[in-house]
Amino acid sequence: MADVKDLIGKVLVDVRVDYYPDELAFETTDGATYVMYHEQDCCESVYLEDINGDFADLRGEPILLAEEVVSEDADNDELKVWTFYKLGTINGVVVLRWHGESNGYYSVDVNFGLKEEGIR
């Protein structure tokens, strides 16, 4: 499984967003496509809540920043997780905010990987 940090040094030619199901695809100049998504399960909910920034700032320049930051809140036997992905080039930064809720038993992780490795 790939990590979002694998995008550092890559040059994006396209970013596609599909809101049903929530999935992002990052196409690079070397022909690779990375996807970010969550495989929904029974008793949890994970979705792309917000995109802050302009994907145009990520195209055509090497990715200099690619990080994941997770914030959790366990409240009344509910697990709430916000996963932020920060991607940036010399032109600007885009922040993706994913929101997940679960009873604590089901995963609310966001998946990231190479499409060629059987991801999606």
PDB file of N, CA and C in Angstrom:
ATOM      1  N   MET A   1       0.852  -1.179   0.000  1.00  0.00           N
ATOM      2  CA  MET A   1       0.000   0.000   0.000  1.00  0.00           C
ATOM      3  C   MET A   1       0.890   1.232   0.000  1.00  0.00           C
ATOM      4  N   ALA A   2       0.560   2.167  -0.837  1.00  0.00           N
ATOM      5  CA  ALA A   2       1.313   3.416  -0.945  1.00  0.00           C
ATOM      6  C   ALA A   2       0.932   4.354   0.200  1.00  0.00           C
ATOM      7  N   ASP A   3       1.715   5.374   0.357  1.00  0.00           N
ATOM      8  CA  ASP A   3       1.492   6.404   1.364  1.00  0.00           C
ATOM      9  C   ASP A   3       1.412   7.739   0.632  1.00  0.00           C
ATOM     10  N   VAL A   4       0.655   8.686   1.144  1.00  0.00           N
ATOM     11  CA  VAL A   4       0.507   9.979   0.486  1.00  0.00           C
ATOM     12  C   VAL A   4       1.874  10.649   0.288  1.00  0.00           C
ATOM     13  N   LYS A   5       2.843  10.347   1.152  1.00  0.00           N
ATOM     14  CA  LYS A   5       4.193  10.907   1.009  1.00  0.00           C
ATOM     15  C   LYS A   5       4.876  10.441  -0.276  1.00  0.00           C
ATOM     16  N   ASP A   6       4.367   9.357  -0.868  1.00  0.00           N
ATOM     17  CA  ASP A   6       4.922   8.873  -2.130  1.00  0.00           C
ATOM     18  C   ASP A   6       4.721   9.875  -3.262  1.00  0.00           C
ATOM     19  N   LEU A   7       3.834  10.850  -3.068  1.00  0.00           N
ATOM     20  CA  LEU A   7       3.614  11.875  -4.097  1.00  0.00           C
ATOM     21  C   LEU A   7       4.727  12.924  -4.119  1.00  0.00           C
ATOM     22  N   ILE A   8       5.522  13.013  -3.057  1.00  0.00           N
ATOM     23  CA  ILE A   8       6.590  14.027  -3.015  1.00  0.00           C
ATOM     24  C   ILE A   8       7.545  13.787  -4.178  1.00  0.00           C
ATOM     25  N   GLY A   9       7.798  14.850  -4.932  1.00  0.00           N
ATOM     26  CA  GLY A   9       8.663  14.789  -6.104  1.00  0.00           C
ATOM     27  C   GLY A   9       7.933  14.463  -7.390  1.00  0.00           C
ATOM     28  N   LYS A  10       6.707  13.943  -7.290  1.00  0.00           N
ATOM     29  CA  LYS A  10       5.911  13.639  -8.484  1.00  0.00           C
ATOM     30  C   LYS A  10       5.307  14.926  -9.026  1.00  0.00           C
ATOM     31  N   VAL A  11       5.028  14.920 -10.321  1.00  0.00           N
ATOM     32  CA  VAL A  11       4.372  16.047 -10.972  1.00  0.00           C
ATOM     33  C   VAL A  11       2.995  15.575 -11.419  1.00  0.00           C
ATOM     34  N   LEU A  12       1.957  16.255 -10.950  1.00  0.00           N
ATOM     35  CA  LEU A  12       0.590  15.877 -11.297  1.00  0.00           C
ATOM     36  C   LEU A  12       0.176  16.517 -12.621  1.00  0.00           C
ATOM     37  N   VAL A  13      -0.510  15.717 -13.441  1.00  0.00           N
ATOM     38  CA  VAL A  13      -1.084  16.247 -14.677  1.00  0.00           C
ATOM     39  C   VAL A  13      -2.589  16.393 -14.556  1.00  0.00           C
ATOM     40  N   ASP A  14      -3.187  15.643 -13.596  1.00  0.00           N
ATOM     41  CA  ASP A  14      -4.627  15.735 -13.431  1.00  0.00           C
ATOM     42  C   ASP A  14      -5.011  15.265 -12.030  1.00  0.00           C
ATOM     43  N   VAL A  15      -6.064  15.877 -11.500  1.00  0.00           N
ATOM     44  CA  VAL A  15      -6.685  15.442 -10.252  1.00  0.00           C
ATOM     45  C   VAL A  15      -8.172  15.355 -10.541  1.00  0.00           C
ATOM     46  N   ARG A  16      -8.745  14.171 -10.305  1.00  0.00           N
ATOM     47  CA  ARG A  16     -10.174  13.977 -10.547  1.00  0.00           C
ATOM     48  C   ARG A  16     -10.868  13.673  -9.223  1.00  0.00           C
ATOM     49  N   VAL A  17     -12.033  14.268  -9.043  1.00  0.00           N
ATOM     50  CA  VAL A  17     -12.820  14.045  -7.835  1.00  0.00           C
ATOM     51  C   VAL A  17     -14.158  13.451  -8.246  1.00  0.00           C
ATOM     52  N   ASP A  18     -14.514  12.334  -7.614  1.00  0.00           N
ATOM     53  CA  ASP A  18     -15.810  11.703  -7.817  1.00  0.00           C
ATOM     54  C   ASP A  18     -16.478  11.670  -6.446  1.00  0.00           C
ATOM     55  N   TYR A  19     -17.583  12.386  -6.292  1.00  0.00           N
ATOM     56  CA  TYR A  19     -18.230  12.482  -4.989  1.00  0.00           C
ATOM     57  C   TYR A  19     -19.156  11.315  -4.684  1.00  0.00           C
ATOM     58  N   TYR A  20     -19.372  10.401  -5.612  1.00  0.00           N
ATOM     59  CA  TYR A  20     -20.164   9.216  -5.306  1.00  0.00           C
ATOM     60  C   TYR A  20     -19.587   8.025  -6.026  1.00  0.00           C
ATOM     61  N   PRO A  21     -18.887   7.144  -5.371  1.00  0.00           N
ATOM     62  CA  PRO A  21     -18.442   7.286  -3.981  1.00  0.00           C
ATOM     63  C   PRO A  21     -17.297   8.285  -3.908  1.00  0.00           C
ATOM     64  N   ASP A  22     -17.058   8.836  -2.715  1.00  0.00           N
ATOM     65  CA  ASP A  22     -15.978   9.799  -2.545  1.00  0.00           C
ATOM     66  C   ASP A  22     -14.647   9.156  -2.923  1.00  0.00           C
ATOM     67  N   GLU A  23     -14.037   9.689  -3.978  1.00  0.00           N
ATOM     68  CA  GLU A  23     -12.762   9.162  -4.458  1.00  0.00           C
ATOM     69  C   GLU A  23     -12.026  10.265  -5.199  1.00  0.00           C
ATOM     70  N   LEU A  24     -10.733  10.328  -4.968  1.00  0.00           N
ATOM     71  CA  LEU A  24      -9.883  11.246  -5.708  1.00  0.00           C
ATOM     72  C   LEU A  24      -8.849  10.430  -6.462  1.00  0.00           C
ATOM     73  N   ALA A  25      -8.523  10.846  -7.669  1.00  0.00           N
ATOM     74  CA  ALA A  25      -7.489  10.192  -8.463  1.00  0.00           C
ATOM     75  C   ALA A  25      -6.442  11.238  -8.831  1.00  0.00           C
ATOM     76  N   PHE A  26      -5.190  10.892  -8.598  1.00  0.00           N
ATOM     77  CA  PHE A  26      -4.062  11.778  -8.872  1.00  0.00           C
ATOM     78  C   PHE A  26      -3.217  11.134  -9.962  1.00  0.00           C
ATOM     79  N   GLU A  27      -3.213  11.736 -11.153  1.00  0.00           N
ATOM     80  CA  GLU A  27      -2.469  11.201 -12.285  1.00  0.00           C
ATOM     81  C   GLU A  27      -1.145  11.958 -12.407  1.00  0.00           C
ATOM     82  N   THR A  28      -0.039  11.207 -12.518  1.00  0.00           N
ATOM     83  CA  THR A  28       1.292  11.824 -12.558  1.00  0.00           C
ATOM     84  C   THR A  28       1.889  11.750 -13.961  1.00  0.00           C
ATOM     85  N   THR A  29       2.933  12.553 -14.173  1.00  0.00           N
ATOM     86  CA  THR A  29       3.581  12.590 -15.487  1.00  0.00           C
ATOM     87  C   THR A  29       4.265  11.275 -15.836  1.00  0.00           C
ATOM     88  N   ASP A  30       4.582  10.447 -14.846  1.00  0.00           N
ATOM     89  CA  ASP A  30       5.207   9.155 -15.140  1.00  0.00           C
ATOM     90  C   ASP A  30       4.180   8.064 -15.447  1.00  0.00           C
ATOM     91  N   GLY A  31       2.911   8.449 -15.588  1.00  0.00           N
ATOM     92  CA  GLY A  31       1.863   7.514 -15.985  1.00  0.00           C
ATOM     93  C   GLY A  31       1.176   6.790 -14.844  1.00  0.00           C
ATOM     94  N   ALA A  32       1.603   7.037 -13.619  1.00  0.00           N
ATOM     95  CA  ALA A  32       0.977   6.385 -12.465  1.00  0.00           C
ATOM     96  C   ALA A  32      -0.290   7.136 -12.065  1.00  0.00           C
ATOM     97  N   THR A  33      -1.249   6.407 -11.518  1.00  0.00           N
ATOM     98  CA  THR A  33      -2.451   7.002 -10.963  1.00  0.00           C
ATOM     99  C   THR A  33      -2.601   6.515  -9.527  1.00  0.00           C
ATOM    100  N   TYR A  34      -2.660   7.462  -8.605  1.00  0.00           N
ATOM    101  CA  TYR A  34      -2.881   7.174  -7.192  1.00  0.00           C
ATOM    102  C   TYR A  34      -4.333   7.504  -6.872  1.00  0.00           C
ATOM    103  N   VAL A  35      -4.964   6.689  -6.033  1.00  0.00           N
ATOM    104  CA  VAL A  35      -6.344   6.953  -5.652  1.00  0.00           C
ATOM    105  C   VAL A  35      -6.457   7.065  -4.131  1.00  0.00           C
ATOM    106  N   MET A  36      -7.387   7.912  -3.700  1.00  0.00           N
ATOM    107  CA  MET A  36      -7.683   8.133  -2.292  1.00  0.00           C
ATOM    108  C   MET A  36      -9.186   7.919  -2.136  1.00  0.00           C
ATOM    109  N   TYR A  37      -9.578   7.036  -1.216  1.00  0.00           N
ATOM    110  CA  TYR A  37     -10.987   6.696  -1.053  1.00  0.00           C
ATOM    111  C   TYR A  37     -11.179   5.966   0.275  1.00  0.00           C
ATOM    112  N   HIS A  38     -12.416   5.658   0.592  1.00  0.00           N
ATOM    113  CA  HIS A  38     -12.733   4.811   1.740  1.00  0.00           C
ATOM    114  C   HIS A  38     -13.719   3.755   1.286  1.00  0.00           C
ATOM    115  N   GLU A  39     -13.451   2.513   1.639  1.00  0.00           N
ATOM    116  CA  GLU A  39     -14.358   1.406   1.335  1.00  0.00           C
ATOM    117  C   GLU A  39     -15.417   1.363   2.439  1.00  0.00           C
ATOM    118  N   GLN A  40     -16.644   1.778   2.118  1.00  0.00           N
ATOM    119  CA  GLN A  40     -17.708   1.863   3.121  1.00  0.00           C
ATOM    120  C   GLN A  40     -18.089   0.486   3.650  1.00  0.00           C
ATOM    121  N   ASP A  41     -18.401   0.450   4.935  1.00  0.00           N
ATOM    122  CA  ASP A  41     -18.833  -0.772   5.598  1.00  0.00           C
ATOM    123  C   ASP A  41     -20.167  -0.501   6.282  1.00  0.00           C
ATOM    124  N   CYS A  42     -20.666  -1.473   6.943  1.00  0.00           N
ATOM    125  CA  CYS A  42     -21.990  -1.472   7.554  1.00  0.00           C
ATOM    126  C   CYS A  42     -22.284  -0.274   8.456  1.00  0.00           C
ATOM    127  N   CYS A  43     -21.563  -0.157   9.535  1.00  0.00           N
ATOM    128  CA  CYS A  43     -21.944   0.758  10.610  1.00  0.00           C
ATOM    129  C   CYS A  43     -20.953   1.897  10.779  1.00  0.00           C
ATOM    130  N   GLU A  44     -20.559   2.497   9.695  1.00  0.00           N
ATOM    131  CA  GLU A  44     -19.659   3.644   9.737  1.00  0.00           C
ATOM    132  C   GLU A  44     -19.946   4.533   8.541  1.00  0.00           C
ATOM    133  N   SER A  45     -19.427   5.739   8.618  1.00  0.00           N
ATOM    134  CA  SER A  45     -19.604   6.699   7.540  1.00  0.00           C
ATOM    135  C   SER A  45     -18.311   7.482   7.378  1.00  0.00           C
ATOM    136  N   VAL A  46     -17.782   7.499   6.175  1.00  0.00           N
ATOM    137  CA  VAL A  46     -16.571   8.255   5.882  1.00  0.00           C
ATOM    138  C   VAL A  46     -16.798   8.965   4.553  1.00  0.00           C
ATOM    139  N   TYR A  47     -16.515  10.264   4.531  1.00  0.00           N
ATOM    140  CA  TYR A  47     -16.732  11.012   3.300  1.00  0.00           C
ATOM    141  C   TYR A  47     -15.766  12.191   3.223  1.00  0.00           C
ATOM    142  N   LEU A  48     -15.562  12.667   2.012  1.00  0.00           N
ATOM    143  CA  LEU A  48     -14.740  13.842   1.760  1.00  0.00           C
ATOM    144  C   LEU A  48     -15.574  15.062   2.121  1.00  0.00           C
ATOM    145  N   GLU A  49     -15.222  15.712   3.222  1.00  0.00           N
ATOM    146  CA  GLU A  49     -16.034  16.797   3.759  1.00  0.00           C
ATOM    147  C   GLU A  49     -15.712  18.149   3.128  1.00  0.00           C
ATOM    148  N   ASP A  50     -14.444  18.378   2.778  1.00  0.00           N
ATOM    149  CA  ASP A  50     -14.069  19.707   2.293  1.00  0.00           C
ATOM    150  C   ASP A  50     -12.777  19.648   1.486  1.00  0.00           C
ATOM    151  N   ILE A  51     -12.702  20.498   0.485  1.00  0.00           N
ATOM    152  CA  ILE A  51     -11.473  20.710  -0.279  1.00  0.00           C
ATOM    153  C   ILE A  51     -11.170  22.199  -0.188  1.00  0.00           C
ATOM    154  N   ASN A  52     -10.019  22.515   0.390  1.00  0.00           N
ATOM    155  CA  ASN A  52      -9.617  23.911   0.547  1.00  0.00           C
ATOM    156  C   ASN A  52      -8.399  24.150  -0.334  1.00  0.00           C
ATOM    157  N   GLY A  53      -8.559  24.983  -1.347  1.00  0.00           N
ATOM    158  CA  GLY A  53      -7.476  25.267  -2.277  1.00  0.00           C
ATOM    159  C   GLY A  53      -7.901  24.943  -3.691  1.00  0.00           C
ATOM    160  N   ASP A  54      -6.977  25.142  -4.603  1.00  0.00           N
ATOM    161  CA  ASP A  54      -7.242  24.969  -6.031  1.00  0.00           C
ATOM    162  C   ASP A  54      -6.316  23.895  -6.588  1.00  0.00           C
ATOM    163  N   PHE A  55      -6.896  22.833  -7.145  1.00  0.00           N
ATOM    164  CA  PHE A  55      -6.082  21.757  -7.707  1.00  0.00           C
ATOM    165  C   PHE A  55      -5.156  22.246  -8.812  1.00  0.00           C
ATOM    166  N   ALA A  56      -5.490  23.349  -9.445  1.00  0.00           N
ATOM    167  CA  ALA A  56      -4.612  23.901 -10.489  1.00  0.00           C
ATOM    168  C   ALA A  56      -3.237  24.231  -9.918  1.00  0.00           C
ATOM    169  N   ASP A  57      -3.174  24.571  -8.626  1.00  0.00           N
ATOM    170  CA  ASP A  57      -1.894  24.866  -7.986  1.00  0.00           C
ATOM    171  C   ASP A  57      -1.010  23.634  -7.858  1.00  0.00           C
ATOM    172  N   LEU A  58      -1.592  22.447  -7.969  1.00  0.00           N
ATOM    173  CA  LEU A  58      -0.825  21.212  -7.828  1.00  0.00           C
ATOM    174  C   LEU A  58      -0.333  20.655  -9.155  1.00  0.00           C
ATOM    175  N   ARG A  59      -0.863  21.143 -10.247  1.00  0.00           N
ATOM    176  CA  ARG A  59      -0.514  20.592 -11.559  1.00  0.00           C
ATOM    177  C   ARG A  59       0.736  21.259 -12.134  1.00  0.00           C
ATOM    178  N   GLY A  60       1.584  20.430 -12.739  1.00  0.00           N
ATOM    179  CA  GLY A  60       2.715  20.945 -13.512  1.00  0.00           C
ATOM    180  C   GLY A  60       3.967  21.284 -12.724  1.00  0.00           C
ATOM    181  N   GLU A  61       3.947  21.148 -11.414  1.00  0.00           N
ATOM    182  CA  GLU A  61       5.127  21.403 -10.572  1.00  0.00           C
ATOM    183  C   GLU A  61       5.312  20.215  -9.628  1.00  0.00           C
ATOM    184  N   PRO A  62       6.544  19.927  -9.215  1.00  0.00           N
ATOM    185  CA  PRO A  62       6.756  18.813  -8.284  1.00  0.00           C
ATOM    186  C   PRO A  62       6.031  19.043  -6.953  1.00  0.00           C
ATOM    187  N   ILE A  63       5.479  17.966  -6.425  1.00  0.00           N
ATOM    188  CA  ILE A  63       4.847  18.018  -5.108  1.00  0.00           C
ATOM    189  C   ILE A  63       5.957  18.151  -4.059  1.00  0.00           C
ATOM    190  N   LEU A  64       5.881  19.194  -3.254  1.00  0.00           N
ATOM    191  CA  LEU A  64       6.877  19.453  -2.213  1.00  0.00           C
ATOM    192  C   LEU A  64       6.366  19.078  -0.826  1.00  0.00           C
ATOM    193  N   LEU A  65       5.044  19.072  -0.665  1.00  0.00           N
ATOM    194  CA  LEU A  65       4.412  18.776   0.615  1.00  0.00           C
ATOM    195  C   LEU A  65       3.333  17.727   0.396  1.00  0.00           C
ATOM    196  N   ALA A  66       3.397  16.645   1.152  1.00  0.00           N
ATOM    197  CA  ALA A  66       2.366  15.602   1.105  1.00  0.00           C
ATOM    198  C   ALA A  66       2.326  14.974   2.485  1.00  0.00           C
ATOM    199  N   GLU A  67       1.337  15.382   3.271  1.00  0.00           N
ATOM    200  CA  GLU A  67       1.266  14.857   4.630  1.00  0.00           C
ATOM    201  C   GLU A  67      -0.158  14.558   5.037  1.00  0.00           C
ATOM    202  N   GLU A  68      -0.270  13.672   6.026  1.00  0.00           N
ATOM    203  CA  GLU A  68      -1.546  13.282   6.602  1.00  0.00           C
ATOM    204  C   GLU A  68      -1.542  13.672   8.077  1.00  0.00           C
ATOM    205  N   VAL A  69      -2.616  14.296   8.519  1.00  0.00           N
ATOM    206  CA  VAL A  69      -2.786  14.656   9.923  1.00  0.00           C
ATOM    207  C   VAL A  69      -4.150  14.134  10.354  1.00  0.00           C
ATOM    208  N   VAL A  70      -4.190  13.418  11.489  1.00  0.00           N
ATOM    209  CA  VAL A  70      -5.427  12.810  11.970  1.00  0.00           C
ATOM    210  C   VAL A  70      -5.796  13.406  13.318  1.00  0.00           C
ATOM    211  N   SER A  71      -7.082  13.735  13.474  1.00  0.00           N
ATOM    212  CA  SER A  71      -7.612  14.246  14.725  1.00  0.00           C
ATOM    213  C   SER A  71      -8.807  13.378  15.114  1.00  0.00           C
ATOM    214  N   GLU A  72      -8.802  12.864  16.356  1.00  0.00           N
ATOM    215  CA  GLU A  72      -9.867  11.976  16.822  1.00  0.00           C
ATOM    216  C   GLU A  72     -10.647  12.596  17.970  1.00  0.00           C
ATOM    217  N   ASP A  73     -11.925  12.195  18.063  1.00  0.00           N
ATOM    218  CA  ASP A  73     -12.771  12.591  19.178  1.00  0.00           C
ATOM    219  C   ASP A  73     -13.690  11.414  19.501  1.00  0.00           C
ATOM    220  N   ALA A  74     -13.517  10.837  20.680  1.00  0.00           N
ATOM    221  CA  ALA A  74     -14.392   9.754  21.135  1.00  0.00           C
ATOM    222  C   ALA A  74     -15.432  10.361  22.067  1.00  0.00           C
ATOM    223  N   ASP A  75     -16.687  10.333  21.643  1.00  0.00           N
ATOM    224  CA  ASP A  75     -17.750  10.984  22.395  1.00  0.00           C
ATOM    225  C   ASP A  75     -18.963  10.071  22.444  1.00  0.00           C
ATOM    226  N   ASN A  76     -19.408   9.707  23.650  1.00  0.00           N
ATOM    227  CA  ASN A  76     -20.614   8.883  23.826  1.00  0.00           C
ATOM    228  C   ASN A  76     -20.559   7.597  23.007  1.00  0.00           C
ATOM    229  N   ASP A  77     -19.470   6.882  23.102  1.00  0.00           N
ATOM    230  CA  ASP A  77     -19.279   5.609  22.402  1.00  0.00           C
ATOM    231  C   ASP A  77     -19.259   5.753  20.884  1.00  0.00           C
ATOM    232  N   GLU A  78     -19.121   6.953  20.386  1.00  0.00           N
ATOM    233  CA  GLU A  78     -18.969   7.198  18.954  1.00  0.00           C
ATOM    234  C   GLU A  78     -17.548   7.670  18.696  1.00  0.00           C
ATOM    235  N   LEU A  79     -16.942   7.173  17.663  1.00  0.00           N
ATOM    236  CA  LEU A  79     -15.618   7.615  17.263  1.00  0.00           C
ATOM    237  C   LEU A  79     -15.773   8.568  16.080  1.00  0.00           C
ATOM    238  N   LYS A  80     -15.243   9.762  16.216  1.00  0.00           N
ATOM    239  CA  LYS A  80     -15.252  10.733  15.119  1.00  0.00           C
ATOM    240  C   LYS A  80     -13.800  11.035  14.785  1.00  0.00           C
ATOM    241  N   VAL A  81     -13.481  10.949  13.508  1.00  0.00           N
ATOM    242  CA  VAL A  81     -12.110  11.157  13.048  1.00  0.00           C
ATOM    243  C   VAL A  81     -12.123  12.106  11.864  1.00  0.00           C
ATOM    244  N   TRP A  82     -11.219  13.076  11.901  1.00  0.00           N
ATOM    245  CA  TRP A  82     -10.987  13.964  10.763  1.00  0.00           C
ATOM    246  C   TRP A  82      -9.582  13.678  10.268  1.00  0.00           C
ATOM    247  N   THR A  83      -9.483  13.357   8.995  1.00  0.00           N
ATOM    248  CA  THR A  83      -8.186  13.093   8.386  1.00  0.00           C
ATOM    249  C   THR A  83      -7.935  14.190   7.362  1.00  0.00           C
ATOM    250  N   PHE A  84      -6.852  14.918   7.563  1.00  0.00           N
ATOM    251  CA  PHE A  84      -6.476  16.015   6.679  1.00  0.00           C
ATOM    252  C   PHE A  84      -5.296  15.580   5.829  1.00  0.00           C
ATOM    253  N   TYR A  85      -5.385  15.833   4.530  1.00  0.00           N
ATOM    254  CA  TYR A  85      -4.271  15.603   3.624  1.00  0.00           C
ATOM    255  C   TYR A  85      -3.854  16.952   3.075  1.00  0.00           C
ATOM    256  N   LYS A  86      -2.593  17.306   3.273  1.00  0.00           N
ATOM    257  CA  LYS A  86      -2.049  18.568   2.773  1.00  0.00           C
ATOM    258  C   LYS A  86      -1.104  18.246   1.625  1.00  0.00           C
ATOM    259  N   LEU A  87      -1.422  18.790   0.447  1.00  0.00           N
ATOM    260  CA  LEU A  87      -0.600  18.603  -0.746  1.00  0.00           C
ATOM    261  C   LEU A  87      -0.199  19.968  -1.261  1.00  0.00           C
ATOM    262  N   GLY A  88       1.095  20.144  -1.552  1.00  0.00           N
ATOM    263  CA  GLY A  88       1.521  21.457  -2.001  1.00  0.00           C
ATOM    264  C   GLY A  88       2.674  21.434  -2.986  1.00  0.00           C
ATOM    265  N   THR A  89       2.699  22.464  -3.810  1.00  0.00           N
ATOM    266  CA  THR A  89       3.801  22.728  -4.736  1.00  0.00           C
ATOM    267  C   THR A  89       4.262  24.156  -4.473  1.00  0.00           C
ATOM    268  N   ILE A  90       5.172  24.623  -5.297  1.00  0.00           N
ATOM    269  CA  ILE A  90       5.634  26.002  -5.191  1.00  0.00           C
ATOM    270  C   ILE A  90       4.495  26.988  -5.447  1.00  0.00           C
ATOM    271  N   ASN A  91       3.424  26.524  -6.113  1.00  0.00           N
ATOM    272  CA  ASN A  91       2.297  27.396  -6.466  1.00  0.00           C
ATOM    273  C   ASN A  91       1.229  27.527  -5.393  1.00  0.00           C
ATOM    274  N   GLY A  92       1.170  26.578  -4.458  1.00  0.00           N
ATOM    275  CA  GLY A  92       0.138  26.646  -3.433  1.00  0.00           C
ATOM    276  C   GLY A  92      -0.130  25.309  -2.786  1.00  0.00           C
ATOM    277  N   VAL A  93      -1.072  25.304  -1.840  1.00  0.00           N
ATOM    278  CA  VAL A  93      -1.400  24.116  -1.057  1.00  0.00           C
ATOM    279  C   VAL A  93      -2.899  23.825  -1.171  1.00  0.00           C
ATOM    280  N   VAL A  94      -3.223  22.547  -1.223  1.00  0.00           N
ATOM    281  CA  VAL A  94      -4.606  22.081  -1.180  1.00  0.00           C
ATOM    282  C   VAL A  94      -4.736  21.200   0.053  1.00  0.00           C
ATOM    283  N   VAL A  95      -5.798  21.424   0.840  1.00  0.00           N
ATOM    284  CA  VAL A  95      -6.061  20.615   2.028  1.00  0.00           C
ATOM    285  C   VAL A  95      -7.371  19.862   1.805  1.00  0.00           C
ATOM    286  N   LEU A  96      -7.300  18.544   1.933  1.00  0.00           N
ATOM    287  CA  LEU A  96      -8.464  17.677   1.805  1.00  0.00           C
ATOM    288  C   LEU A  96      -8.870  17.247   3.206  1.00  0.00           C
ATOM    289  N   ARG A  97     -10.124  17.459   3.566  1.00  0.00           N
ATOM    290  CA  ARG A  97     -10.596  17.065   4.898  1.00  0.00           C
ATOM    291  C   ARG A  97     -11.625  15.951   4.754  1.00  0.00           C
ATOM    292  N   TRP A  98     -11.276  14.783   5.289  1.00  0.00           N
ATOM    293  CA  TRP A  98     -12.167  13.635   5.322  1.00  0.00           C
ATOM    294  C   TRP A  98     -12.749  13.529   6.723  1.00  0.00           C
ATOM    295  N   HIS A  99     -14.009  13.143   6.815  1.00  0.00           N
ATOM    296  CA  HIS A  99     -14.667  12.963   8.109  1.00  0.00           C
ATOM    297  C   HIS A  99     -15.162  11.532   8.207  1.00  0.00           C
ATOM    298  N   GLY A 100     -14.903  10.905   9.361  1.00  0.00           N
ATOM    299  CA  GLY A 100     -15.352   9.540   9.576  1.00  0.00           C
ATOM    300  C   GLY A 100     -16.014   9.380  10.929  1.00  0.00           C
ATOM    301  N   GLU A 101     -17.074   8.577  10.978  1.00  0.00           N
ATOM    302  CA  GLU A 101     -17.754   8.257  12.230  1.00  0.00           C
ATOM    303  C   GLU A 101     -17.993   6.758  12.280  1.00  0.00           C
ATOM    304  N   SER A 102     -17.830   6.213  13.484  1.00  0.00           N
ATOM    305  CA  SER A 102     -18.002   4.780  13.676  1.00  0.00           C
ATOM    306  C   SER A 102     -18.325   4.519  15.137  1.00  0.00           C
ATOM    307  N   ASN A 103     -18.808   3.311  15.398  1.00  0.00           N
ATOM    308  CA  ASN A 103     -19.017   2.909  16.784  1.00  0.00           C
ATOM    309  C   ASN A 103     -17.700   2.483  17.436  1.00  0.00           C
ATOM    310  N   GLY A 104     -16.614   2.610  16.718  1.00  0.00           N
ATOM    311  CA  GLY A 104     -15.297   2.240  17.225  1.00  0.00           C
ATOM    312  C   GLY A 104     -14.841   0.877  16.752  1.00  0.00           C
ATOM    313  N   TYR A 105     -15.753   0.081  16.257  1.00  0.00           N
ATOM    314  CA  TYR A 105     -15.420  -1.255  15.777  1.00  0.00           C
ATOM    315  C   TYR A 105     -15.000  -1.231  14.311  1.00  0.00           C
ATOM    316  N   TYR A 106     -15.603  -0.356  13.540  1.00  0.00           N
ATOM    317  CA  TYR A 106     -15.332  -0.304  12.106  1.00  0.00           C
ATOM    318  C   TYR A 106     -14.286   0.764  11.801  1.00  0.00           C
ATOM    319  N   SER A 107     -13.513   0.509  10.772  1.00  0.00           N
ATOM    320  CA  SER A 107     -12.442   1.419  10.383  1.00  0.00           C
ATOM    321  C   SER A 107     -13.001   2.669   9.716  1.00  0.00           C
ATOM    322  N   VAL A 108     -12.383   3.794  10.014  1.00  0.00           N
ATOM    323  CA  VAL A 108     -12.725   5.047   9.330  1.00  0.00           C
ATOM    324  C   VAL A 108     -11.490   5.580   8.583  1.00  0.00           C
ATOM    325  N   ASP A 109     -10.534   4.693   8.315  1.00  0.00           N
ATOM    326  CA  ASP A 109      -9.315   5.079   7.610  1.00  0.00           C
ATOM    327  C   ASP A 109      -9.605   5.419   6.152  1.00  0.00           C
ATOM    328  N   VAL A 110      -8.825   6.346   5.639  1.00  0.00           N
ATOM    329  CA  VAL A 110      -8.877   6.688   4.229  1.00  0.00           C
ATOM    330  C   VAL A 110      -7.768   5.895   3.548  1.00  0.00           C
ATOM    331  N   ASN A 111      -8.098   5.243   2.442  1.00  0.00           N
ATOM    332  CA  ASN A 111      -7.123   4.438   1.707  1.00  0.00           C
ATOM    333  C   ASN A 111      -6.433   5.293   0.657  1.00  0.00           C
ATOM    334  N   PHE A 112      -5.154   5.026   0.449  1.00  0.00           N
ATOM    335  CA  PHE A 112      -4.379   5.706  -0.581  1.00  0.00           C
ATOM    336  C   PHE A 112      -3.455   4.676  -1.207  1.00  0.00           C
ATOM    337  N   GLY A 113      -3.477   4.586  -2.525  1.00  0.00           N
ATOM    338  CA  GLY A 113      -2.607   3.611  -3.175  1.00  0.00           C
ATOM    339  C   GLY A 113      -2.535   3.794  -4.673  1.00  0.00           C
ATOM    340  N   LEU A 114      -1.636   3.038  -5.271  1.00  0.00           N
ATOM    341  CA  LEU A 114      -1.490   3.025  -6.730  1.00  0.00           C
ATOM    342  C   LEU A 114      -2.626   2.232  -7.338  1.00  0.00           C
ATOM    343  N   LYS A 115      -3.244   2.775  -8.352  1.00  0.00           N
ATOM    344  CA  LYS A 115      -4.353   2.089  -9.016  1.00  0.00           C
ATOM    345  C   LYS A 115      -3.877   0.757  -9.604  1.00  0.00           C
ATOM    346  N   GLU A 116      -2.640   0.690 -10.050  1.00  0.00           N
ATOM    347  CA  GLU A 116      -2.107  -0.530 -10.661  1.00  0.00           C
ATOM    348  C   GLU A 116      -1.912  -1.642  -9.650  1.00  0.00           C
ATOM    349  N   GLU A 117      -1.905  -1.333  -8.350  1.00  0.00           N
ATOM    350  CA  GLU A 117      -1.734  -2.357  -7.329  1.00  0.00           C
ATOM    351  C   GLU A 117      -3.069  -2.969  -6.920  1.00  0.00           C
ATOM    352  N   GLY A 118      -4.083  -2.812  -7.746  1.00  0.00           N
ATOM    353  CA  GLY A 118      -5.368  -3.409  -7.451  1.00  0.00           C
ATOM    354  C   GLY A 118      -6.265  -2.530  -6.585  1.00  0.00           C
ATOM    355  N   ILE A 119      -5.832  -1.316  -6.320  1.00  0.00           N
ATOM    356  CA  ILE A 119      -6.661  -0.386  -5.569  1.00  0.00           C
ATOM    357  C   ILE A 119      -7.730   0.130  -6.517  1.00  0.00           C
ATOM    358  N   ARG A 120      -8.972  -0.040  -6.141  1.00  0.00           N
ATOM    359  CA  ARG A 120     -10.133   0.446  -6.914  1.00  0.00           C
ATOM    360  C   ARG A 120     -10.017   0.078  -8.355  1.00  0.00           C
TER     361      ARG A 120
END
